[in-house]
Amino acid sequence: MASWGKALAVTGISPFAYVSNPARVLFGSGRVREVAPELERLGCRRAFVVCTADQKDLALRVALDCAELAPVVWTAPRWI
């Protein structure tokens, strides 16, 4: 890394902009049944459910609730 003045330059990384949407967190017992309506509210056309091996049953339940979005369920390896 090279530094000049108050700016920091990182060698090998091209400039970019990261723009994220505001987050909305639904937390609490039973909130999993609100995933499908939330995806509909957001106008989503597809769903991608990521889980650990221990969460696979819950992820499949979410996928069934969101069946009209043709969801993909991916069980992440332990090292992620």
Protein backbone atom coordinates (compact mmCIF):
# COMPACT_ATOMS: atom_id res chain seq x y z
CA MET A 1 0.00 0.00 0.00
CA ALA A 2 1.11 3.50 -0.72
CA SER A 3 -0.07 6.55 1.12
CA TRP A 4 -0.02 10.20 0.15
CA GLY A 5 -1.57 12.99 2.16
CA LYS A 6 -4.83 11.85 3.72
CA ALA A 7 -5.66 9.49 0.83
CA LEU A 8 -4.71 5.83 0.77
CA ALA A 9 -3.86 4.07 -2.48
CA VAL A 10 -4.03 0.28 -2.66
CA THR A 11 -1.91 -1.24 -5.40
CA GLY A 12 -3.71 -3.72 -7.66
CA ILE A 13 -7.29 -2.76 -6.81
CA SER A 14 -9.33 -0.80 -9.31
CA PRO A 15 -11.58 1.98 -8.01
CA PHE A 16 -15.19 0.95 -7.49
CA ALA A 17 -18.40 2.10 -5.86
CA TYR A 18 -20.37 -0.10 -3.45
CA VAL A 19 -24.04 0.82 -3.26
CA SER A 20 -26.28 -1.17 -0.96
CA ASN A 21 -29.98 -1.07 -0.38
CA PRO A 22 -31.24 -0.20 3.07
CA ALA A 23 -31.46 -3.33 5.22
CA ARG A 24 -34.60 -4.67 6.81
CA VAL A 25 -34.22 -7.35 9.47
CA LEU A 26 -37.12 -9.53 10.57
CA PHE A 27 -36.20 -11.13 13.86
CA GLY A 28 -38.15 -13.33 16.24
CA SER A 29 -39.84 -16.65 16.70
CA GLY A 30 -42.03 -17.64 13.77
CA ARG A 31 -40.78 -14.90 11.42
CA VAL A 32 -39.67 -17.50 8.86
CA ARG A 33 -43.24 -17.65 7.57
CA GLU A 34 -42.88 -13.97 6.60
CA VAL A 35 -40.05 -14.60 4.11
CA ALA A 36 -42.32 -15.27 1.10
CA PRO A 37 -44.50 -12.18 1.67
CA GLU A 38 -41.34 -10.08 2.19
CA LEU A 39 -39.84 -11.27 -1.09
CA GLU A 40 -43.12 -10.44 -2.81
CA ARG A 41 -43.14 -6.97 -1.22
CA LEU A 42 -39.63 -6.40 -2.58
CA GLY A 43 -40.68 -7.50 -6.07
CA CYS A 44 -38.25 -10.43 -6.20
CA ARG A 45 -38.54 -12.84 -9.09
CA ARG A 46 -36.13 -15.53 -7.80
CA ALA A 47 -34.89 -16.64 -4.39
CA PHE A 48 -31.48 -17.95 -3.33
CA VAL A 49 -31.46 -19.48 0.16
CA VAL A 50 -28.05 -19.92 1.80
CA CYS A 51 -27.70 -22.04 4.92
CA THR A 52 -25.32 -24.15 6.93
CA ALA A 53 -25.70 -27.92 7.04
CA ASP A 54 -27.40 -27.58 10.43
CA GLN A 55 -29.99 -25.18 8.94
CA LYS A 56 -30.84 -27.23 5.87
CA ASP A 57 -34.31 -28.33 7.06
CA LEU A 58 -35.27 -24.73 7.81
CA ALA A 59 -33.90 -23.57 4.44
CA LEU A 60 -35.95 -26.22 2.63
CA ARG A 61 -39.04 -25.04 4.51
CA VAL A 62 -38.36 -21.48 3.36
CA ALA A 63 -37.90 -22.77 -0.20
CA LEU A 64 -41.26 -24.55 -0.07
CA ASP A 65 -42.94 -21.38 1.20
CA CYS A 66 -41.39 -19.49 -1.74
CA ALA A 67 -42.04 -22.16 -4.37
CA GLU A 68 -43.40 -19.67 -6.94
CA LEU A 69 -39.94 -18.00 -6.99
CA ALA A 70 -38.21 -21.25 -8.03
CA PRO A 71 -35.78 -20.98 -5.13
CA VAL A 72 -32.30 -22.43 -5.08
CA VAL A 73 -31.06 -23.80 -1.74
CA TRP A 74 -27.31 -23.88 -1.18
CA THR A 75 -25.81 -25.55 1.86
CA ALA A 76 -22.53 -23.80 2.60
CA PRO A 77 -19.53 -25.88 3.57
CA ARG A 78 -18.39 -25.52 7.18
CA TRP A 79 -15.34 -23.47 6.23
CA ILE A 80 -17.40 -20.54 4.96
